[in-house]
Amino acid sequence: MDSGWKGKVLLIGGLVGALTGLGAAYLIISKSQEHDEPPRIGAGDGLRLALLLLGLVRQIGELGAGQEE
């Protein structure tokens, strides 16, 4: 197997994560501009988002599991 695959995976994952974060920030900004006030994200919203992201990362981590040669 190619020895540079780990770097490629990290680069692609970093780019996807950065683009996803930028997209989420854009959505928050556009939604707050509708109301002409800064976004208010409470502790409950942050906790729900953190749990959602942990579940997503766990699912992504399981993508390669069970595919042993």
C-alpha atoms as a PDB file:
ATOM      1  CA  MET A   1       0.000   0.000   0.000  1.00  0.00           C
ATOM      2  CA  ASP A   2       1.180   3.531  -0.690  1.00  0.00           C
ATOM      3  CA  SER A   3       3.007   5.081   2.268  1.00  0.00           C
ATOM      4  CA  GLY A   4       1.545   8.545   1.631  1.00  0.00           C
ATOM      5  CA  TRP A   5      -2.073   7.540   2.131  1.00  0.00           C
ATOM      6  CA  LYS A   6      -2.171   8.779   5.727  1.00  0.00           C
ATOM      7  CA  GLY A   7      -1.189  12.284   4.694  1.00  0.00           C
ATOM      8  CA  LYS A   8      -3.810  12.278   1.940  1.00  0.00           C
ATOM      9  CA  VAL A   9      -6.498  11.166   4.368  1.00  0.00           C
ATOM     10  CA  LEU A  10      -5.513  13.886   6.857  1.00  0.00           C
ATOM     11  CA  LEU A  11      -5.466  16.546   4.138  1.00  0.00           C
ATOM     12  CA  ILE A  12      -8.855  15.561   2.726  1.00  0.00           C
ATOM     13  CA  GLY A  13     -10.374  15.276   6.209  1.00  0.00           C
ATOM     14  CA  GLY A  14      -9.004  18.678   7.183  1.00  0.00           C
ATOM     15  CA  LEU A  15     -10.358  20.302   4.030  1.00  0.00           C
ATOM     16  CA  VAL A  16     -13.786  18.711   4.452  1.00  0.00           C
ATOM     17  CA  GLY A  17     -13.891  19.773   8.104  1.00  0.00           C
ATOM     18  CA  ALA A  18     -12.835  23.336   7.306  1.00  0.00           C
ATOM     19  CA  LEU A  19     -15.386  23.673   4.503  1.00  0.00           C
ATOM     20  CA  THR A  20     -18.119  22.220   6.710  1.00  0.00           C
ATOM     21  CA  GLY A  21     -17.247  24.646   9.513  1.00  0.00           C
ATOM     22  CA  LEU A  22     -17.253  27.598   7.121  1.00  0.00           C
ATOM     23  CA  GLY A  23     -20.630  26.513   5.772  1.00  0.00           C
ATOM     24  CA  ALA A  24     -22.071  26.249   9.278  1.00  0.00           C
ATOM     25  CA  ALA A  25     -20.696  29.689  10.197  1.00  0.00           C
ATOM     26  CA  TYR A  26     -22.198  31.151   7.027  1.00  0.00           C
ATOM     27  CA  LEU A  27     -25.604  29.683   7.904  1.00  0.00           C
ATOM     28  CA  ILE A  28     -25.439  31.108  11.435  1.00  0.00           C
ATOM     29  CA  ILE A  29     -24.471  34.552  10.108  1.00  0.00           C
ATOM     30  CA  SER A  30     -27.144  34.589   7.410  1.00  0.00           C
ATOM     31  CA  LYS A  31     -29.806  33.515   9.914  1.00  0.00           C
ATOM     32  CA  SER A  32     -28.768  36.229  12.396  1.00  0.00           C
ATOM     33  CA  GLN A  33     -28.830  38.903   9.661  1.00  0.00           C
ATOM     34  CA  GLU A  34     -32.529  38.188   9.140  1.00  0.00           C
ATOM     35  CA  HIS A  35     -33.156  39.418  12.699  1.00  0.00           C
ATOM     36  CA  ASP A  36     -30.469  42.153  12.771  1.00  0.00           C
ATOM     37  CA  GLU A  37     -28.906  40.842  15.969  1.00  0.00           C
ATOM     38  CA  PRO A  38     -25.893  38.663  16.816  1.00  0.00           C
ATOM     39  CA  PRO A  39     -26.512  34.924  17.135  1.00  0.00           C
ATOM     40  CA  ARG A  40     -27.346  33.592  20.570  1.00  0.00           C
ATOM     41  CA  ILE A  41     -26.179  30.063  21.085  1.00  0.00           C
ATOM     42  CA  GLY A  42     -26.877  28.764  24.563  1.00  0.00           C
ATOM     43  CA  ALA A  43     -25.258  26.011  26.584  1.00  0.00           C
ATOM     44  CA  GLY A  44     -28.004  23.550  25.648  1.00  0.00           C
ATOM     45  CA  ASP A  45     -27.450  24.235  21.960  1.00  0.00           C
ATOM     46  CA  GLY A  46     -23.714  23.753  22.382  1.00  0.00           C
ATOM     47  CA  LEU A  47     -24.194  20.472  24.247  1.00  0.00           C
ATOM     48  CA  ARG A  48     -26.576  19.120  21.605  1.00  0.00           C
ATOM     49  CA  LEU A  49     -24.144  20.103  18.856  1.00  0.00           C
ATOM     50  CA  ALA A  50     -21.206  18.496  20.696  1.00  0.00           C
ATOM     51  CA  LEU A  51     -23.094  15.213  21.122  1.00  0.00           C
ATOM     52  CA  LEU A  52     -24.148  15.262  17.484  1.00  0.00           C
ATOM     53  CA  LEU A  53     -20.558  15.825  16.356  1.00  0.00           C
ATOM     54  CA  LEU A  54     -19.238  13.068  18.642  1.00  0.00           C
ATOM     55  CA  GLY A  55     -21.723  10.652  17.130  1.00  0.00           C
ATOM     56  CA  LEU A  56     -20.728  11.713  13.629  1.00  0.00           C
ATOM     57  CA  VAL A  57     -17.012  11.276  14.353  1.00  0.00           C
ATOM     58  CA  ARG A  58     -17.721   7.860  15.864  1.00  0.00           C
ATOM     59  CA  GLN A  59     -19.615   6.793  12.739  1.00  0.00           C
ATOM     60  CA  ILE A  60     -16.811   8.040  10.499  1.00  0.00           C
ATOM     61  CA  GLY A  61     -14.290   6.151  12.627  1.00  0.00           C
ATOM     62  CA  GLU A  62     -16.229   2.931  12.083  1.00  0.00           C
ATOM     63  CA  LEU A  63     -16.174   3.259   8.284  1.00  0.00           C
ATOM     64  CA  GLY A  64     -12.968   1.258   7.937  1.00  0.00           C
ATOM     65  CA  ALA A  65     -13.708  -1.245  10.687  1.00  0.00           C
ATOM     66  CA  GLY A  66     -14.254  -4.832   9.626  1.00  0.00           C
ATOM     67  CA  GLN A  67     -12.531  -4.410   6.273  1.00  0.00           C
ATOM     68  CA  GLU A  68      -9.414  -6.363   7.123  1.00  0.00           C
ATOM     69  CA  GLU A  69      -7.504  -8.065   4.342  1.00  0.00           C
END
